[in-house]
Amino acid sequence: MTTPVCTRASDAARPATQTLPYQPFSYPSFASYVKARQPVLLRTARSLTANPSDAEDLLQTALTKTYVAWERIEDHRALDGYVRRALLNTRTSQWRKRKVDEFACDELPEPEPVPGGSDPAEQQALHDAMWRAILKLPARQRAMVVLRYYEDLSEAQTAEVLGVSVGTVKSAVSRALGKLREDPELHPELGISR
C-alpha cells in the first residue's frame, strides 16, 4: 500500500543540500490541482459509494494513484478524466474483493415488519389513494409535487426544470399540499393527518 506523503512548514526552512527522510510533494501543480478540484471529485466518489466516509477513502486512494503517476500523465488538461477512471477502477476492485455473507437456507425469513404496524394492504391502499389525489391536481402543480417529493429535487432544481421561479414552486407546492390534505379519499385512519 502506498503511504501518502505530506510536507511540513519546517521543511521549507531546511537547506536544499540536506536530504529528507521522506519525499515531500515535488509537484506544486499537484497540490494546486487537488485544492481546486477536490469538491468536484468528492461528489463523483460519493456517487460511487454508499457513505461519505467510503467516498473520502476512495478519493484519497485515487489521488494517491494520480500522484504516483503524475510524471507519466502527458496531458494535465485531462486530469479529471484520469482521476475519475482511477475512482471507478478502485471502486470496481473493492467491489470484486468484498466478502459476501449470504447463504442458502430451506426456509424464507419472516418479512420485515412495516413501520407503524399497518399491513401491506393498508400501505398499498394509501399509496393508491395518494396517486389518485395527485392525479386530480392541475398539471403544473402535479408536476411540481412529483419533482419535489417523488424525484426528491430541491425547490431550485424544480424551478430550473420547469423554467419558473423558486417562489412559484413554493407557492404552487403549498397550494397542492393543501388540496391533498382536503381530499376526501385521504382519511386520517389511513395515516394522513389533516
C-alpha atoms as a PDB file:
ATOM      1  CA  MET A   1       0.000   0.000   0.000  1.00  0.00           C
ATOM      2  CA  THR A   2       1.293   3.450  -0.881  1.00  0.00           C
ATOM      3  CA  THR A   3       1.640   5.864   2.021  1.00  0.00           C
ATOM      4  CA  PRO A   4       0.620   9.479   1.294  1.00  0.00           C
ATOM      5  CA  VAL A   5       3.428  11.979   1.738  1.00  0.00           C
ATOM      6  CA  CYS A   6       2.972  15.376   3.387  1.00  0.00           C
ATOM      7  CA  THR A   7       5.100  18.481   3.760  1.00  0.00           C
ATOM      8  CA  ARG A   8       5.683  20.415   6.940  1.00  0.00           C
ATOM      9  CA  ALA A   9       6.382  24.109   7.347  1.00  0.00           C
ATOM     10  CA  SER A  10       9.758  23.250   8.930  1.00  0.00           C
ATOM     11  CA  ASP A  11      10.831  21.541   5.688  1.00  0.00           C
ATOM     12  CA  ALA A  12      10.786  24.838   3.817  1.00  0.00           C
ATOM     13  CA  ALA A  13      13.429  26.233   6.181  1.00  0.00           C
ATOM     14  CA  ARG A  14      15.890  23.378   5.532  1.00  0.00           C
ATOM     15  CA  PRO A  15      18.776  23.991   3.138  1.00  0.00           C
ATOM     16  CA  ALA A  16      18.447  22.384  -0.277  1.00  0.00           C
ATOM     17  CA  THR A  17      21.559  20.237   0.286  1.00  0.00           C
ATOM     18  CA  GLN A  18      20.110  18.465   3.316  1.00  0.00           C
ATOM     19  CA  THR A  19      18.385  15.201   2.427  1.00  0.00           C
ATOM     20  CA  LEU A  20      14.989  14.417   3.843  1.00  0.00           C
ATOM     21  CA  PRO A  21      13.941  11.058   5.251  1.00  0.00           C
ATOM     22  CA  TYR A  22      10.796  11.224   3.095  1.00  0.00           C
ATOM     23  CA  GLN A  23       9.866  12.725  -0.263  1.00  0.00           C
ATOM     24  CA  PRO A  24       7.706  15.867   0.105  1.00  0.00           C
ATOM     25  CA  PHE A  25       5.307  16.957  -2.618  1.00  0.00           C
ATOM     26  CA  SER A  26       7.607  17.677  -5.519  1.00  0.00           C
ATOM     27  CA  TYR A  27       4.716  18.744  -7.731  1.00  0.00           C
ATOM     28  CA  PRO A  28       3.294  22.083  -6.639  1.00  0.00           C
ATOM     29  CA  SER A  29       0.818  21.765  -9.521  1.00  0.00           C
ATOM     30  CA  PHE A  30      -0.495  18.507  -7.994  1.00  0.00           C
ATOM     31  CA  ALA A  31      -1.255  20.263  -4.714  1.00  0.00           C
ATOM     32  CA  SER A  32      -2.999  23.104  -6.519  1.00  0.00           C
ATOM     33  CA  TYR A  33      -4.934  20.622  -8.658  1.00  0.00           C
ATOM     34  CA  VAL A  34      -6.191  18.756  -5.576  1.00  0.00           C
ATOM     35  CA  LYS A  35      -7.103  22.005  -3.836  1.00  0.00           C
ATOM     36  CA  ALA A  36      -9.084  23.239  -6.841  1.00  0.00           C
ATOM     37  CA  ARG A  37     -10.806  20.018  -7.898  1.00  0.00           C
ATOM     38  CA  GLN A  38     -11.356  18.101  -4.639  1.00  0.00           C
ATOM     39  CA  PRO A  39     -15.033  19.122  -4.118  1.00  0.00           C
ATOM     40  CA  VAL A  40     -15.995  18.017  -7.637  1.00  0.00           C
ATOM     41  CA  LEU A  41     -14.049  14.773  -7.400  1.00  0.00           C
ATOM     42  CA  LEU A  42     -15.525  14.053  -3.957  1.00  0.00           C
ATOM     43  CA  ARG A  43     -19.041  14.329  -5.421  1.00  0.00           C
ATOM     44  CA  THR A  44     -18.053  11.757  -8.034  1.00  0.00           C
ATOM     45  CA  ALA A  45     -16.675   9.473  -5.327  1.00  0.00           C
ATOM     46  CA  ARG A  46     -19.880   9.841  -3.308  1.00  0.00           C
ATOM     47  CA  SER A  47     -21.914   8.740  -6.297  1.00  0.00           C
ATOM     48  CA  LEU A  48     -19.876   5.518  -6.391  1.00  0.00           C
ATOM     49  CA  THR A  49     -20.103   4.611  -2.706  1.00  0.00           C
ATOM     50  CA  ALA A  50     -22.731   4.072  -0.053  1.00  0.00           C
ATOM     51  CA  ASN A  51     -21.496   6.569   2.522  1.00  0.00           C
ATOM     52  CA  PRO A  52     -19.362   9.736   2.781  1.00  0.00           C
ATOM     53  CA  SER A  53     -16.517   8.058   4.687  1.00  0.00           C
ATOM     54  CA  ASP A  54     -16.060   5.445   1.977  1.00  0.00           C
ATOM     55  CA  ALA A  55     -16.155   8.221  -0.616  1.00  0.00           C
ATOM     56  CA  GLU A  56     -13.354  10.103   1.120  1.00  0.00           C
ATOM     57  CA  ASP A  57     -11.259   6.931   1.327  1.00  0.00           C
ATOM     58  CA  LEU A  58     -11.929   6.168  -2.329  1.00  0.00           C
ATOM     59  CA  LEU A  59     -10.909   9.681  -3.403  1.00  0.00           C
ATOM     60  CA  GLN A  60      -7.756   9.531  -1.272  1.00  0.00           C
ATOM     61  CA  THR A  61      -6.761   6.260  -2.930  1.00  0.00           C
ATOM     62  CA  ALA A  62      -7.431   7.632  -6.425  1.00  0.00           C
ATOM     63  CA  LEU A  63      -5.467  10.810  -5.698  1.00  0.00           C
ATOM     64  CA  THR A  64      -2.573   8.717  -4.364  1.00  0.00           C
ATOM     65  CA  LYS A  65      -2.539   6.747  -7.619  1.00  0.00           C
ATOM     66  CA  THR A  66      -2.640  10.007  -9.557  1.00  0.00           C
ATOM     67  CA  TYR A  67       0.274  11.423  -7.563  1.00  0.00           C
ATOM     68  CA  VAL A  68       2.371   8.321  -8.220  1.00  0.00           C
ATOM     69  CA  ALA A  69       1.662   8.591 -11.976  1.00  0.00           C
ATOM     70  CA  TRP A  70       1.950  12.403 -12.133  1.00  0.00           C
ATOM     71  CA  GLU A  71       5.145  12.436 -14.238  1.00  0.00           C
ATOM     72  CA  ARG A  72       3.687   9.943 -16.719  1.00  0.00           C
ATOM     73  CA  ILE A  73       0.495  11.917 -17.321  1.00  0.00           C
ATOM     74  CA  GLU A  74       1.218  13.808 -20.519  1.00  0.00           C
ATOM     75  CA  ASP A  75      -1.890  15.977 -20.804  1.00  0.00           C
ATOM     76  CA  HIS A  76      -2.640  17.651 -17.489  1.00  0.00           C
ATOM     77  CA  ARG A  77      -5.811  19.110 -19.006  1.00  0.00           C
ATOM     78  CA  ALA A  78      -7.299  15.608 -18.846  1.00  0.00           C
ATOM     79  CA  LEU A  79      -6.569  15.060 -15.150  1.00  0.00           C
ATOM     80  CA  ASP A  80     -10.232  14.904 -14.137  1.00  0.00           C
ATOM     81  CA  GLY A  81     -10.755  12.018 -16.527  1.00  0.00           C
ATOM     82  CA  TYR A  82      -7.683  10.242 -15.178  1.00  0.00           C
ATOM     83  CA  VAL A  83      -8.825  10.639 -11.565  1.00  0.00           C
ATOM     84  CA  ARG A  84     -12.391   9.585 -12.405  1.00  0.00           C
ATOM     85  CA  ARG A  85     -11.069   6.458 -14.110  1.00  0.00           C
ATOM     86  CA  ALA A  86      -8.914   5.768 -11.026  1.00  0.00           C
ATOM     87  CA  LEU A  87     -12.013   6.228  -8.838  1.00  0.00           C
ATOM     88  CA  LEU A  88     -14.037   3.836 -10.946  1.00  0.00           C
ATOM     89  CA  ASN A  89     -11.283   1.212 -11.219  1.00  0.00           C
ATOM     90  CA  THR A  90     -10.565   1.363  -7.486  1.00  0.00           C
ATOM     91  CA  ARG A  91     -14.252   1.061  -6.614  1.00  0.00           C
ATOM     92  CA  THR A  92     -14.645  -1.863  -9.014  1.00  0.00           C
ATOM     93  CA  SER A  93     -11.666  -3.623  -7.392  1.00  0.00           C
ATOM     94  CA  GLN A  94     -13.135  -3.038  -3.936  1.00  0.00           C
ATOM     95  CA  TRP A  95     -16.488  -4.395  -5.047  1.00  0.00           C
ATOM     96  CA  ARG A  96     -14.919  -7.532  -6.516  1.00  0.00           C
ATOM     97  CA  LYS A  97     -12.959  -8.218  -3.326  1.00  0.00           C
ATOM     98  CA  ARG A  98     -15.898  -7.744  -0.962  1.00  0.00           C
ATOM     99  CA  LYS A  99     -16.875 -10.696   1.146  1.00  0.00           C
ATOM    100  CA  VAL A 100     -20.447 -11.832   0.688  1.00  0.00           C
ATOM    101  CA  ASP A 101     -22.090 -13.207   3.816  1.00  0.00           C
ATOM    102  CA  GLU A 102     -25.098 -14.794   2.167  1.00  0.00           C
ATOM    103  CA  PHE A 103     -26.025 -18.420   2.232  1.00  0.00           C
ATOM    104  CA  ALA A 104     -28.898 -20.553   1.033  1.00  0.00           C
ATOM    105  CA  CYS A 105     -31.439 -21.854   3.525  1.00  0.00           C
ATOM    106  CA  ASP A 106     -34.518 -24.057   3.391  1.00  0.00           C
ATOM    107  CA  GLU A 107     -36.924 -21.501   4.883  1.00  0.00           C
ATOM    108  CA  LEU A 108     -37.540 -17.924   3.872  1.00  0.00           C
ATOM    109  CA  PRO A 109     -37.045 -15.433   6.688  1.00  0.00           C
ATOM    110  CA  GLU A 110     -40.059 -13.636   8.104  1.00  0.00           C
ATOM    111  CA  PRO A 111     -40.832 -10.368   6.303  1.00  0.00           C
ATOM    112  CA  GLU A 112     -39.694  -7.184   7.971  1.00  0.00           C
ATOM    113  CA  PRO A 113     -42.494  -5.555   9.984  1.00  0.00           C
ATOM    114  CA  VAL A 114     -43.909  -2.483   8.263  1.00  0.00           C
ATOM    115  CA  PRO A 115     -43.270   0.708  10.276  1.00  0.00           C
ATOM    116  CA  GLY A 116     -46.374   1.966  12.041  1.00  0.00           C
ATOM    117  CA  GLY A 117     -47.830  -1.513  12.452  1.00  0.00           C
ATOM    118  CA  SER A 118     -50.011  -1.302   9.331  1.00  0.00           C
ATOM    119  CA  ASP A 119     -50.222  -4.200   6.973  1.00  0.00           C
ATOM    120  CA  PRO A 120     -49.082  -4.105   3.331  1.00  0.00           C
ATOM    121  CA  ALA A 121     -52.679  -3.927   2.068  1.00  0.00           C
ATOM    122  CA  GLU A 122     -53.246  -0.694   4.025  1.00  0.00           C
ATOM    123  CA  GLN A 123     -49.970   0.710   2.757  1.00  0.00           C
ATOM    124  CA  GLN A 124     -50.959  -0.097  -0.841  1.00  0.00           C
ATOM    125  CA  ALA A 125     -54.406   1.446  -0.325  1.00  0.00           C
ATOM    126  CA  LEU A 126     -52.755   4.622   0.986  1.00  0.00           C
ATOM    127  CA  HIS A 127     -50.339   4.659  -1.949  1.00  0.00           C
ATOM    128  CA  ASP A 128     -53.177   4.239  -4.467  1.00  0.00           C
ATOM    129  CA  ALA A 129     -55.305   6.913  -2.782  1.00  0.00           C
ATOM    130  CA  MET A 130     -52.363   9.320  -2.792  1.00  0.00           C
ATOM    131  CA  TRP A 131     -51.750   8.796  -6.512  1.00  0.00           C
ATOM    132  CA  ARG A 132     -55.445   9.304  -7.310  1.00  0.00           C
ATOM    133  CA  ALA A 133     -55.363  12.541  -5.307  1.00  0.00           C
ATOM    134  CA  ILE A 134     -52.189  13.693  -7.073  1.00  0.00           C
ATOM    135  CA  LEU A 135     -53.755  12.966 -10.461  1.00  0.00           C
ATOM    136  CA  LYS A 136     -56.637  15.321  -9.547  1.00  0.00           C
ATOM    137  CA  LEU A 137     -54.210  18.242  -9.184  1.00  0.00           C
ATOM    138  CA  PRO A 138     -53.729  20.677 -12.088  1.00  0.00           C
ATOM    139  CA  ALA A 139     -50.895  19.571 -14.383  1.00  0.00           C
ATOM    140  CA  ARG A 140     -48.455  22.268 -13.222  1.00  0.00           C
ATOM    141  CA  GLN A 141     -48.998  21.574  -9.503  1.00  0.00           C
ATOM    142  CA  ARG A 142     -48.845  17.829 -10.128  1.00  0.00           C
ATOM    143  CA  ALA A 143     -45.502  18.204 -11.926  1.00  0.00           C
ATOM    144  CA  MET A 144     -44.073  20.268  -9.067  1.00  0.00           C
ATOM    145  CA  VAL A 145     -45.251  17.817  -6.387  1.00  0.00           C
ATOM    146  CA  VAL A 146     -43.824  14.855  -8.297  1.00  0.00           C
ATOM    147  CA  LEU A 147     -40.476  16.575  -8.868  1.00  0.00           C
ATOM    148  CA  ARG A 148     -40.213  17.780  -5.258  1.00  0.00           C
ATOM    149  CA  TYR A 149     -41.388  14.709  -3.350  1.00  0.00           C
ATOM    150  CA  TYR A 150     -41.066  11.715  -5.673  1.00  0.00           C
ATOM    151  CA  GLU A 151     -37.955  12.745  -7.616  1.00  0.00           C
ATOM    152  CA  ASP A 152     -36.508  14.456  -4.488  1.00  0.00           C
ATOM    153  CA  LEU A 153     -35.402  17.627  -6.303  1.00  0.00           C
ATOM    154  CA  SER A 154     -34.817  20.842  -4.386  1.00  0.00           C
ATOM    155  CA  GLU A 155     -37.054  23.861  -4.939  1.00  0.00           C
ATOM    156  CA  ALA A 156     -34.312  25.470  -7.039  1.00  0.00           C
ATOM    157  CA  GLN A 157     -33.851  22.342  -9.166  1.00  0.00           C
ATOM    158  CA  THR A 158     -37.612  22.024  -9.662  1.00  0.00           C
ATOM    159  CA  ALA A 159     -37.804  25.679 -10.717  1.00  0.00           C
ATOM    160  CA  GLU A 160     -34.960  25.167 -13.182  1.00  0.00           C
ATOM    161  CA  VAL A 161     -36.530  22.047 -14.716  1.00  0.00           C
ATOM    162  CA  LEU A 162     -39.898  23.761 -15.168  1.00  0.00           C
ATOM    163  CA  GLY A 163     -38.495  27.152 -16.151  1.00  0.00           C
ATOM    164  CA  VAL A 164     -40.205  29.074 -13.333  1.00  0.00           C
ATOM    165  CA  SER A 165     -39.034  30.986 -10.255  1.00  0.00           C
ATOM    166  CA  VAL A 166     -38.371  29.371  -6.890  1.00  0.00           C
ATOM    167  CA  GLY A 167     -41.201  31.448  -5.394  1.00  0.00           C
ATOM    168  CA  THR A 168     -43.618  29.992  -7.950  1.00  0.00           C
ATOM    169  CA  VAL A 169     -42.560  26.491  -6.959  1.00  0.00           C
ATOM    170  CA  LYS A 170     -43.005  27.254  -3.246  1.00  0.00           C
ATOM    171  CA  SER A 171     -46.490  28.725  -3.630  1.00  0.00           C
ATOM    172  CA  ALA A 172     -47.725  26.092  -6.105  1.00  0.00           C
ATOM    173  CA  VAL A 173     -46.479  23.213  -3.955  1.00  0.00           C
ATOM    174  CA  SER A 174     -48.052  24.776  -0.871  1.00  0.00           C
ATOM    175  CA  ARG A 175     -51.427  25.044  -2.636  1.00  0.00           C
ATOM    176  CA  ALA A 176     -51.109  21.487  -3.948  1.00  0.00           C
ATOM    177  CA  LEU A 177     -50.375  20.112  -0.471  1.00  0.00           C
ATOM    178  CA  GLY A 178     -53.409  22.000   0.859  1.00  0.00           C
ATOM    179  CA  LYS A 179     -55.584  20.323  -1.779  1.00  0.00           C
ATOM    180  CA  LEU A 180     -54.132  16.914  -0.926  1.00  0.00           C
ATOM    181  CA  ARG A 181     -54.877  17.430   2.786  1.00  0.00           C
ATOM    182  CA  GLU A 182     -58.521  18.122   1.961  1.00  0.00           C
ATOM    183  CA  ASP A 183     -59.001  15.223  -0.472  1.00  0.00           C
ATOM    184  CA  PRO A 184     -61.847  13.005   0.815  1.00  0.00           C
ATOM    185  CA  GLU A 185     -60.010   9.782  -0.117  1.00  0.00           C
ATOM    186  CA  LEU A 186     -57.124  10.537   2.231  1.00  0.00           C
ATOM    187  CA  HIS A 187     -58.685   9.804   5.633  1.00  0.00           C
ATOM    188  CA  PRO A 188     -56.874  10.073   8.977  1.00  0.00           C
ATOM    189  CA  GLU A 189     -57.402   6.345   9.560  1.00  0.00           C
ATOM    190  CA  LEU A 190     -55.179   5.700   6.536  1.00  0.00           C
ATOM    191  CA  GLY A 191     -52.342   7.572   8.202  1.00  0.00           C
ATOM    192  CA  ILE A 192     -52.734  11.036   6.661  1.00  0.00           C
ATOM    193  CA  SER A 193     -53.289  13.783   9.222  1.00  0.00           C
ATOM    194  CA  ARG A 194     -55.255  16.864   8.278  1.00  0.00           C
END
